[in-house]
Every structure is written in C-alpha cells, then in structure tokens.
Amino acid sequence: MEIVFVTVIGAGIGGVIRYLIPGRRSYGLALLPAVGAAATAAAWAILVWLGWPFDGGWIWTVSILAGLAADLAVALILPRVRDAADSRALHELSGGRL
C-alpha cells in the first residue's frame, strides 16, 4: 500500500517542478508528474526487492529523491534538446535559408 502513497507523492513533486523550472513550453502537462511517479515507484520496488523495510524512513527518502532527480533531469535537459531539434528541423525545412 505504501507504494501507492510514494507514487502519488512523486507525481505531486513532478507537478510542482513543472512550474518551478523554466522551459515548460517544451513538454506536456503530464510528463513530469508521470516521470516522477514512475521513478519513485521503480525506486521503491527495487529497494523493497533488495530487502529494505517498507516502514523505514530511508526507503521513503531515497525513493522520493529518485523521483525528484528524475524530474529535475527531464525538466532541465528536455527543453535544450527540444530547442536544438526544432532549430535543425527549421533549417532543413527552410532549405538552409533560416
């Protein structure tokens, strides 16, 4: 049951990060919450599989920090990659004039 809670927390963190980091015009509304939820759930499942107690504080901390790190990575890297890809596409479609 705790995996549901940590997944919702990860999605909530992703929703907040979306509005704190500039560049949100490059990705959709649900991307960061989905990434945060997936990262926290995956981290939780892996840590439980490794034998960490699900009622301990460290599994919560590590899982939530994994979701936060994944959200920050996507929010910081994706706008730069998307802008570069858009510039290349514009250059190709304009025949090199732009």
N, C-alpha and C. Protein backbone atom coordinates (compact mmCIF):
# COMPACT_ATOMS: atom_id res chain seq x y z
N MET A 1 0.81 -1.19 0.00
CA MET A 1 0.00 0.00 0.00
C MET A 1 0.87 1.27 0.00
N GLU A 2 2.01 1.19 0.62
CA GLU A 2 2.88 2.36 0.70
C GLU A 2 3.40 2.79 -0.67
N ILE A 3 3.52 1.83 -1.60
CA ILE A 3 3.99 2.18 -2.93
C ILE A 3 3.01 3.14 -3.62
N VAL A 4 1.73 3.02 -3.30
CA VAL A 4 0.74 3.94 -3.86
C VAL A 4 0.99 5.35 -3.32
N PHE A 5 1.25 5.45 -2.04
CA PHE A 5 1.50 6.77 -1.44
C PHE A 5 2.75 7.43 -2.03
N VAL A 6 3.82 6.66 -2.13
CA VAL A 6 5.07 7.24 -2.63
C VAL A 6 4.93 7.59 -4.11
N THR A 7 4.12 6.85 -4.86
CA THR A 7 3.90 7.16 -6.26
C THR A 7 3.11 8.47 -6.41
N VAL A 8 2.11 8.65 -5.58
CA VAL A 8 1.34 9.91 -5.62
C VAL A 8 2.21 11.08 -5.21
N ILE A 9 3.06 10.89 -4.22
CA ILE A 9 3.97 11.96 -3.81
C ILE A 9 4.92 12.30 -4.95
N GLY A 10 5.44 11.29 -5.64
CA GLY A 10 6.32 11.53 -6.78
C GLY A 10 5.63 12.29 -7.90
N ALA A 11 4.37 11.96 -8.16
CA ALA A 11 3.61 12.70 -9.17
C ALA A 11 3.37 14.14 -8.74
N GLY A 12 3.10 14.34 -7.46
CA GLY A 12 2.90 15.70 -6.95
C GLY A 12 4.15 16.55 -7.05
N ILE A 13 5.28 15.95 -6.76
CA ILE A 13 6.55 16.67 -6.89
C ILE A 13 6.80 17.05 -8.34
N GLY A 14 6.48 16.13 -9.25
CA GLY A 14 6.62 16.44 -10.68
C GLY A 14 5.73 17.59 -11.10
N GLY A 15 4.52 17.65 -10.55
CA GLY A 15 3.62 18.74 -10.87
C GLY A 15 4.13 20.08 -10.37
N VAL A 16 4.76 20.08 -9.22
CA VAL A 16 5.33 21.32 -8.67
C VAL A 16 6.57 21.73 -9.45
N ILE A 17 7.44 20.78 -9.77
CA ILE A 17 8.67 21.08 -10.51
C ILE A 17 8.34 21.71 -11.86
N ARG A 18 7.25 21.28 -12.48
CA ARG A 18 6.85 21.83 -13.78
C ARG A 18 6.74 23.34 -13.74
N TYR A 19 6.26 23.88 -12.64
CA TYR A 19 6.06 25.32 -12.55
C TYR A 19 7.22 26.06 -11.90
N LEU A 20 8.21 25.34 -11.40
CA LEU A 20 9.38 25.99 -10.80
C LEU A 20 10.55 26.14 -11.77
N ILE A 21 10.64 25.25 -12.74
CA ILE A 21 11.75 25.26 -13.68
C ILE A 21 11.27 25.87 -15.00
N PRO A 22 11.98 26.85 -15.54
CA PRO A 22 11.55 27.43 -16.82
C PRO A 22 11.72 26.42 -17.97
N GLY A 23 10.96 26.64 -19.03
CA GLY A 23 11.06 25.79 -20.21
C GLY A 23 9.90 24.83 -20.35
N ARG A 24 8.83 25.04 -19.61
CA ARG A 24 7.71 24.10 -19.63
C ARG A 24 6.94 24.12 -20.94
N ARG A 25 7.23 25.07 -21.82
CA ARG A 25 6.57 25.09 -23.12
C ARG A 25 7.06 23.95 -24.00
N SER A 26 8.13 23.28 -23.60
CA SER A 26 8.72 22.23 -24.42
C SER A 26 8.13 20.85 -24.18
N TYR A 27 7.31 20.70 -23.17
CA TYR A 27 6.75 19.39 -22.88
C TYR A 27 5.34 19.54 -22.32
N GLY A 28 4.60 18.47 -22.31
CA GLY A 28 3.20 18.50 -21.92
C GLY A 28 2.99 18.59 -20.42
N LEU A 29 1.76 18.77 -20.06
CA LEU A 29 1.36 18.96 -18.67
C LEU A 29 1.63 17.74 -17.80
N ALA A 30 1.46 16.56 -18.35
CA ALA A 30 1.54 15.34 -17.55
C ALA A 30 2.90 14.66 -17.58
N LEU A 31 3.87 15.19 -18.33
CA LEU A 31 5.14 14.50 -18.46
C LEU A 31 5.89 14.41 -17.13
N LEU A 32 6.11 15.52 -16.47
CA LEU A 32 6.88 15.49 -15.22
C LEU A 32 6.18 14.72 -14.10
N PRO A 33 4.87 14.86 -13.92
CA PRO A 33 4.22 14.00 -12.92
C PRO A 33 4.36 12.52 -13.25
N ALA A 34 4.27 12.17 -14.53
CA ALA A 34 4.43 10.76 -14.91
C ALA A 34 5.85 10.27 -14.66
N VAL A 35 6.83 11.09 -14.98
CA VAL A 35 8.23 10.71 -14.74
C VAL A 35 8.48 10.57 -13.24
N GLY A 36 7.99 11.52 -12.45
CA GLY A 36 8.17 11.45 -11.01
C GLY A 36 7.51 10.22 -10.40
N ALA A 37 6.29 9.93 -10.84
CA ALA A 37 5.58 8.76 -10.33
C ALA A 37 6.31 7.47 -10.71
N ALA A 38 6.75 7.38 -11.95
CA ALA A 38 7.45 6.18 -12.40
C ALA A 38 8.78 5.99 -11.67
N ALA A 39 9.52 7.07 -11.49
CA ALA A 39 10.82 6.96 -10.83
C ALA A 39 10.68 6.59 -9.36
N THR A 40 9.73 7.19 -8.66
CA THR A 40 9.56 6.85 -7.25
C THR A 40 9.06 5.42 -7.09
N ALA A 41 8.13 5.01 -7.94
CA ALA A 41 7.63 3.64 -7.85
C ALA A 41 8.72 2.62 -8.17
N ALA A 42 9.51 2.90 -9.19
CA ALA A 42 10.60 1.99 -9.55
C ALA A 42 11.64 1.92 -8.43
N ALA A 43 12.01 3.06 -7.89
CA ALA A 43 12.99 3.06 -6.80
C ALA A 43 12.45 2.31 -5.59
N TRP A 44 11.19 2.53 -5.25
CA TRP A 44 10.57 1.83 -4.12
C TRP A 44 10.59 0.32 -4.34
N ALA A 45 10.17 -0.11 -5.53
CA ALA A 45 10.11 -1.54 -5.82
C ALA A 45 11.49 -2.18 -5.76
N ILE A 46 12.48 -1.50 -6.31
CA ILE A 46 13.84 -2.04 -6.29
C ILE A 46 14.36 -2.12 -4.86
N LEU A 47 14.12 -1.10 -4.07
CA LEU A 47 14.61 -1.10 -2.69
C LEU A 47 13.91 -2.15 -1.84
N VAL A 48 12.63 -2.36 -2.05
CA VAL A 48 11.92 -3.43 -1.33
C VAL A 48 12.47 -4.78 -1.76
N TRP A 49 12.72 -4.94 -3.04
CA TRP A 49 13.29 -6.18 -3.55
C TRP A 49 14.68 -6.44 -2.96
N LEU A 50 15.42 -5.37 -2.71
CA LEU A 50 16.75 -5.52 -2.09
C LEU A 50 16.69 -5.77 -0.59
N GLY A 51 15.50 -5.71 -0.02
CA GLY A 51 15.34 -6.04 1.38
C GLY A 51 15.18 -4.87 2.33
N TRP A 52 15.04 -3.68 1.81
CA TRP A 52 14.84 -2.52 2.68
C TRP A 52 13.44 -2.63 3.30
N PRO A 53 13.30 -2.32 4.57
CA PRO A 53 11.96 -2.40 5.19
C PRO A 53 11.06 -1.28 4.66
N PHE A 54 9.84 -1.64 4.30
CA PHE A 54 8.94 -0.66 3.70
C PHE A 54 8.42 0.35 4.71
N ASP A 55 8.60 0.09 6.00
CA ASP A 55 8.15 1.05 7.01
C ASP A 55 9.29 1.89 7.55
N GLY A 56 10.47 1.81 6.93
CA GLY A 56 11.61 2.60 7.36
C GLY A 56 11.63 3.96 6.69
N GLY A 57 12.35 4.87 7.27
CA GLY A 57 12.41 6.23 6.74
C GLY A 57 13.32 6.37 5.53
N TRP A 58 14.35 5.53 5.45
CA TRP A 58 15.31 5.68 4.36
C TRP A 58 14.73 5.30 3.02
N ILE A 59 13.86 4.33 2.98
CA ILE A 59 13.25 3.94 1.70
C ILE A 59 12.37 5.06 1.16
N TRP A 60 11.69 5.78 2.05
CA TRP A 60 10.90 6.93 1.64
C TRP A 60 11.81 8.03 1.09
N THR A 61 12.87 8.31 1.82
CA THR A 61 13.79 9.38 1.43
C THR A 61 14.43 9.09 0.08
N VAL A 62 14.96 7.89 -0.09
CA VAL A 62 15.65 7.54 -1.33
C VAL A 62 14.67 7.52 -2.50
N SER A 63 13.50 6.97 -2.29
CA SER A 63 12.51 6.89 -3.37
C SER A 63 12.06 8.28 -3.82
N ILE A 64 11.77 9.15 -2.88
CA ILE A 64 11.33 10.50 -3.23
C ILE A 64 12.46 11.29 -3.87
N LEU A 65 13.68 11.12 -3.40
CA LEU A 65 14.81 11.80 -4.02
C LEU A 65 15.07 11.28 -5.43
N ALA A 66 14.83 10.00 -5.67
CA ALA A 66 14.97 9.45 -7.03
C ALA A 66 13.95 10.10 -7.96
N GLY A 67 12.73 10.26 -7.51
CA GLY A 67 11.71 10.94 -8.32
C GLY A 67 12.06 12.39 -8.57
N LEU A 68 12.55 13.06 -7.54
CA LEU A 68 12.96 14.46 -7.69
C LEU A 68 14.10 14.60 -8.68
N ALA A 69 15.09 13.71 -8.59
CA ALA A 69 16.23 13.76 -9.51
C ALA A 69 15.80 13.51 -10.94
N ALA A 70 14.91 12.55 -11.14
CA ALA A 70 14.42 12.26 -12.49
C ALA A 70 13.65 13.46 -13.05
N ASP A 71 12.81 14.07 -12.23
CA ASP A 71 12.06 15.24 -12.67
C ASP A 71 12.98 16.40 -13.03
N LEU A 72 13.96 16.65 -12.19
CA LEU A 72 14.90 17.74 -12.48
C LEU A 72 15.69 17.47 -13.75
N ALA A 73 16.12 16.24 -13.95
CA ALA A 73 16.87 15.91 -15.15
C ALA A 73 16.04 16.15 -16.41
N VAL A 74 14.80 15.67 -16.40
CA VAL A 74 13.93 15.87 -17.56
C VAL A 74 13.63 17.35 -17.76
N ALA A 75 13.33 18.07 -16.69
CA ALA A 75 12.96 19.48 -16.81
C ALA A 75 14.12 20.34 -17.27
N LEU A 76 15.34 19.96 -16.98
CA LEU A 76 16.49 20.76 -17.37
C LEU A 76 17.04 20.37 -18.74
N ILE A 77 16.99 19.09 -19.08
CA ILE A 77 17.60 18.62 -20.33
C ILE A 77 16.64 18.72 -21.50
N LEU A 78 15.38 18.36 -21.31
CA LEU A 78 14.44 18.29 -22.42
C LEU A 78 14.25 19.60 -23.17
N PRO A 79 14.12 20.76 -22.52
CA PRO A 79 13.96 22.00 -23.31
C PRO A 79 15.15 22.29 -24.22
N ARG A 80 16.36 22.03 -23.76
CA ARG A 80 17.54 22.28 -24.60
C ARG A 80 17.57 21.34 -25.79
N VAL A 81 17.28 20.08 -25.55
CA VAL A 81 17.27 19.10 -26.64
C VAL A 81 16.16 19.42 -27.63
N ARG A 82 15.01 19.79 -27.12
CA ARG A 82 13.88 20.10 -27.99
C ARG A 82 14.15 21.34 -28.82
N ASP A 83 14.74 22.38 -28.23
CA ASP A 83 15.06 23.59 -28.98
C ASP A 83 16.08 23.31 -30.09
N ALA A 84 17.08 22.49 -29.79
CA ALA A 84 18.08 22.14 -30.80
C ALA A 84 17.44 21.34 -31.93
N ALA A 85 16.56 20.41 -31.60
CA ALA A 85 15.89 19.61 -32.63
C ALA A 85 14.96 20.49 -33.48
N ASP A 86 14.28 21.43 -32.84
CA ASP A 86 13.41 22.34 -33.59
C ASP A 86 14.22 23.23 -34.53
N SER A 87 15.37 23.69 -34.08
CA SER A 87 16.22 24.52 -34.93
C SER A 87 16.73 23.73 -36.13
N ARG A 88 17.14 22.48 -35.90
CA ARG A 88 17.59 21.64 -37.02
C ARG A 88 16.46 21.38 -38.00
N ALA A 89 15.28 21.12 -37.49
CA ALA A 89 14.14 20.86 -38.38
C ALA A 89 13.78 22.10 -39.18
N LEU A 90 13.80 23.26 -38.56
CA LEU A 90 13.52 24.51 -39.28
C LEU A 90 14.55 24.75 -40.36
N HIS A 91 15.81 24.50 -40.07
CA HIS A 91 16.88 24.68 -41.05
C HIS A 91 16.67 23.74 -42.24
N GLU A 92 16.33 22.49 -41.95
CA GLU A 92 16.12 21.52 -43.04
C GLU A 92 14.88 21.87 -43.86
N LEU A 93 13.79 22.24 -43.19
CA LEU A 93 12.56 22.52 -43.91
C LEU A 93 12.61 23.82 -44.69
N SER A 94 13.44 24.75 -44.27
CA SER A 94 13.54 26.03 -45.00
C SER A 94 14.57 25.96 -46.11
N GLY A 95 15.19 24.84 -46.29
CA GLY A 95 16.20 24.70 -47.34
C GLY A 95 17.49 25.42 -47.04
N GLY A 96 17.77 25.62 -45.75
CA GLY A 96 19.00 26.28 -45.33
C GLY A 96 18.93 27.78 -45.30
N ARG A 97 17.77 28.35 -45.58
CA ARG A 97 17.65 29.82 -45.57
C ARG A 97 17.51 30.38 -44.16
N LEU A 98 17.04 29.59 -43.22
CA LEU A 98 16.86 30.07 -41.86
C LEU A 98 17.75 29.35 -40.89
